Amino acid sequence: MLVLSRKINESIIIGDSIEVTIVEVNGRNVKIGIDAPKDVSVHRKEVYEAIKEENIQATKKENLVSLVDFFKLQNK
Protein backbone atom coordinates (compact mmCIF):
# COMPACT_ATOMS: atom_id res chain seq x y z
CA MET A 1 0.00 0.00 0.00
CA LEU A 2 1.27 3.42 -0.94
CA VAL A 3 0.73 5.99 1.82
CA LEU A 4 0.84 9.68 0.90
CA SER A 5 0.39 12.88 2.88
CA ARG A 6 -1.76 15.57 1.27
CA LYS A 7 -3.19 18.88 2.45
CA ILE A 8 -6.55 20.45 1.62
CA ASN A 9 -6.85 21.15 -2.13
CA GLU A 10 -3.90 18.88 -2.93
CA SER A 11 -4.43 15.91 -5.22
CA ILE A 12 -3.05 12.60 -6.32
CA ILE A 13 -3.38 11.21 -9.83
CA ILE A 14 -4.19 7.55 -10.52
CA GLY A 15 -3.33 6.42 -14.02
CA ASP A 16 -3.93 9.07 -16.64
CA SER A 17 -7.51 9.93 -15.85
CA ILE A 18 -8.39 9.74 -12.14
CA GLU A 19 -7.72 12.61 -9.75
CA VAL A 20 -8.35 12.38 -6.01
CA THR A 21 -8.42 15.71 -4.17
CA ILE A 22 -8.53 16.38 -0.42
CA VAL A 23 -11.55 18.65 0.02
CA GLU A 24 -11.86 18.96 3.79
CA VAL A 25 -10.30 17.65 6.99
CA ASN A 26 -12.37 17.73 10.16
CA GLY A 27 -10.80 15.89 13.08
CA ARG A 28 -10.49 12.24 12.03
CA ASN A 29 -12.78 12.68 9.01
CA VAL A 30 -11.45 13.49 5.57
CA LYS A 31 -13.62 14.45 2.61
CA ILE A 32 -12.20 13.60 -0.77
CA GLY A 33 -13.31 14.51 -4.26
CA ILE A 34 -12.82 12.00 -7.06
CA ASP A 35 -12.72 13.05 -10.69
CA ALA A 36 -12.90 9.97 -12.90
CA PRO A 37 -14.22 9.12 -16.36
CA LYS A 38 -17.89 8.14 -16.52
CA ASP A 39 -16.97 4.56 -17.46
CA VAL A 40 -15.05 4.09 -14.19
CA SER A 41 -17.21 3.01 -11.25
CA VAL A 42 -16.40 4.69 -7.94
CA HIS A 43 -17.93 3.24 -4.77
CA ARG A 44 -17.25 3.22 -1.07
CA LYS A 45 -15.72 -0.14 -0.23
CA GLU A 46 -18.72 -1.37 1.77
CA VAL A 47 -21.04 -0.56 -1.15
CA TYR A 48 -18.69 -2.28 -3.61
CA GLU A 49 -18.58 -5.41 -1.40
CA ALA A 50 -22.40 -5.45 -1.16
CA ILE A 51 -22.70 -5.19 -4.96
CA LYS A 52 -20.22 -8.05 -5.41
CA GLU A 53 -22.12 -10.26 -2.96
CA GLU A 54 -25.45 -9.48 -4.60
CA ASN A 55 -24.00 -10.40 -8.00
CA ILE A 56 -22.66 -13.68 -6.60
CA GLN A 57 -26.06 -14.52 -5.11
CA ALA A 58 -27.83 -13.65 -8.37
CA THR A 59 -25.69 -16.10 -10.33
CA LYS A 60 -26.25 -19.08 -8.04
CA LYS A 61 -28.01 -21.97 -9.73
CA GLU A 62 -31.18 -21.76 -7.64
CA ASN A 63 -31.64 -18.12 -8.66
CA LEU A 64 -31.26 -18.71 -12.39
CA VAL A 65 -34.13 -19.38 -14.72
CA SER A 66 -33.26 -21.66 -17.60
CA LEU A 67 -33.84 -20.33 -21.09
CA VAL A 68 -36.45 -23.03 -21.63
CA ASP A 69 -38.36 -21.92 -18.52
CA PHE A 70 -37.98 -18.29 -19.55
CA PHE A 71 -39.50 -18.91 -22.98
CA LYS A 72 -42.29 -21.00 -21.44
CA LEU A 73 -43.16 -18.04 -19.20
CA GLN A 74 -43.04 -15.65 -22.15
CA ASN A 75 -45.40 -17.76 -24.26
CA LYS A 76 -48.15 -18.14 -21.65
C-alpha atoms as a PDB file:
ATOM      1  CA  MET A   1       0.000   0.000   0.000  1.00  0.00           C
ATOM      2  CA  LEU A   2       1.274   3.421  -0.939  1.00  0.00           C
ATOM      3  CA  VAL A   3       0.728   5.987   1.823  1.00  0.00           C
ATOM      4  CA  LEU A   4       0.843   9.679   0.896  1.00  0.00           C
ATOM      5  CA  SER A   5       0.391  12.879   2.878  1.00  0.00           C
ATOM      6  CA  ARG A   6      -1.759  15.567   1.267  1.00  0.00           C
ATOM      7  CA  LYS A   7      -3.188  18.882   2.455  1.00  0.00           C
ATOM      8  CA  ILE A   8      -6.545  20.453   1.622  1.00  0.00           C
ATOM      9  CA  ASN A   9      -6.852  21.151  -2.130  1.00  0.00           C
ATOM     10  CA  GLU A  10      -3.898  18.880  -2.929  1.00  0.00           C
ATOM     11  CA  SER A  11      -4.430  15.913  -5.216  1.00  0.00           C
ATOM     12  CA  ILE A  12      -3.055  12.601  -6.316  1.00  0.00           C
ATOM     13  CA  ILE A  13      -3.383  11.206  -9.827  1.00  0.00           C
ATOM     14  CA  ILE A  14      -4.194   7.551 -10.522  1.00  0.00           C
ATOM     15  CA  GLY A  15      -3.327   6.418 -14.015  1.00  0.00           C
ATOM     16  CA  ASP A  16      -3.933   9.067 -16.640  1.00  0.00           C
ATOM     17  CA  SER A  17      -7.515   9.927 -15.850  1.00  0.00           C
ATOM     18  CA  ILE A  18      -8.386   9.739 -12.139  1.00  0.00           C
ATOM     19  CA  GLU A  19      -7.723  12.605  -9.753  1.00  0.00           C
ATOM     20  CA  VAL A  20      -8.349  12.376  -6.010  1.00  0.00           C
ATOM     21  CA  THR A  21      -8.424  15.713  -4.166  1.00  0.00           C
ATOM     22  CA  ILE A  22      -8.526  16.378  -0.422  1.00  0.00           C
ATOM     23  CA  VAL A  23     -11.549  18.652   0.015  1.00  0.00           C
ATOM     24  CA  GLU A  24     -11.858  18.959   3.785  1.00  0.00           C
ATOM     25  CA  VAL A  25     -10.296  17.648   6.986  1.00  0.00           C
ATOM     26  CA  ASN A  26     -12.371  17.734  10.157  1.00  0.00           C
ATOM     27  CA  GLY A  27     -10.800  15.892  13.083  1.00  0.00           C
ATOM     28  CA  ARG A  28     -10.491  12.244  12.030  1.00  0.00           C
ATOM     29  CA  ASN A  29     -12.778  12.681   9.014  1.00  0.00           C
ATOM     30  CA  VAL A  30     -11.452  13.492   5.573  1.00  0.00           C
ATOM     31  CA  LYS A  31     -13.623  14.455   2.605  1.00  0.00           C
ATOM     32  CA  ILE A  32     -12.196  13.601  -0.773  1.00  0.00           C
ATOM     33  CA  GLY A  33     -13.313  14.506  -4.260  1.00  0.00           C
ATOM     34  CA  ILE A  34     -12.821  12.005  -7.064  1.00  0.00           C
ATOM     35  CA  ASP A  35     -12.716  13.054 -10.692  1.00  0.00           C
ATOM     36  CA  ALA A  36     -12.903   9.969 -12.904  1.00  0.00           C
ATOM     37  CA  PRO A  37     -14.223   9.122 -16.360  1.00  0.00           C
ATOM     38  CA  LYS A  38     -17.893   8.138 -16.515  1.00  0.00           C
ATOM     39  CA  ASP A  39     -16.971   4.560 -17.462  1.00  0.00           C
ATOM     40  CA  VAL A  40     -15.046   4.086 -14.191  1.00  0.00           C
ATOM     41  CA  SER A  41     -17.210   3.007 -11.247  1.00  0.00           C
ATOM     42  CA  VAL A  42     -16.398   4.694  -7.943  1.00  0.00           C
ATOM     43  CA  HIS A  43     -17.932   3.238  -4.774  1.00  0.00           C
ATOM     44  CA  ARG A  44     -17.254   3.223  -1.068  1.00  0.00           C
ATOM     45  CA  LYS A  45     -15.716  -0.144  -0.227  1.00  0.00           C
ATOM     46  CA  GLU A  46     -18.723  -1.369   1.771  1.00  0.00           C
ATOM     47  CA  VAL A  47     -21.043  -0.559  -1.152  1.00  0.00           C
ATOM     48  CA  TYR A  48     -18.689  -2.284  -3.607  1.00  0.00           C
ATOM     49  CA  GLU A  49     -18.583  -5.408  -1.404  1.00  0.00           C
ATOM     50  CA  ALA A  50     -22.398  -5.453  -1.163  1.00  0.00           C
ATOM     51  CA  ILE A  51     -22.700  -5.190  -4.959  1.00  0.00           C
ATOM     52  CA  LYS A  52     -20.224  -8.048  -5.412  1.00  0.00           C
ATOM     53  CA  GLU A  53     -22.115 -10.256  -2.957  1.00  0.00           C
ATOM     54  CA  GLU A  54     -25.447  -9.477  -4.604  1.00  0.00           C
ATOM     55  CA  ASN A  55     -23.996 -10.399  -8.000  1.00  0.00           C
ATOM     56  CA  ILE A  56     -22.656 -13.682  -6.600  1.00  0.00           C
ATOM     57  CA  GLN A  57     -26.058 -14.525  -5.115  1.00  0.00           C
ATOM     58  CA  ALA A  58     -27.828 -13.648  -8.373  1.00  0.00           C
ATOM     59  CA  THR A  59     -25.686 -16.104 -10.334  1.00  0.00           C
ATOM     60  CA  LYS A  60     -26.250 -19.076  -8.043  1.00  0.00           C
ATOM     61  CA  LYS A  61     -28.007 -21.973  -9.730  1.00  0.00           C
ATOM     62  CA  GLU A  62     -31.175 -21.763  -7.642  1.00  0.00           C
ATOM     63  CA  ASN A  63     -31.641 -18.122  -8.664  1.00  0.00           C
ATOM     64  CA  LEU A  64     -31.264 -18.706 -12.395  1.00  0.00           C
ATOM     65  CA  VAL A  65     -34.134 -19.377 -14.722  1.00  0.00           C
ATOM     66  CA  SER A  66     -33.259 -21.656 -17.597  1.00  0.00           C
ATOM     67  CA  LEU A  67     -33.837 -20.330 -21.094  1.00  0.00           C
ATOM     68  CA  VAL A  68     -36.453 -23.030 -21.627  1.00  0.00           C
ATOM     69  CA  ASP A  69     -38.358 -21.924 -18.522  1.00  0.00           C
ATOM     70  CA  PHE A  70     -37.977 -18.295 -19.552  1.00  0.00           C
ATOM     71  CA  PHE A  71     -39.505 -18.911 -22.979  1.00  0.00           C
ATOM     72  CA  LYS A  72     -42.290 -21.004 -21.438  1.00  0.00           C
ATOM     73  CA  LEU A  73     -43.161 -18.042 -19.200  1.00  0.00           C
ATOM     74  CA  GLN A  74     -43.038 -15.655 -22.146  1.00  0.00           C
ATOM     75  CA  ASN A  75     -45.396 -17.760 -24.262  1.00  0.00           C
ATOM     76  CA  LYS A  76     -48.147 -18.136 -21.650  1.00  0.00           C
END
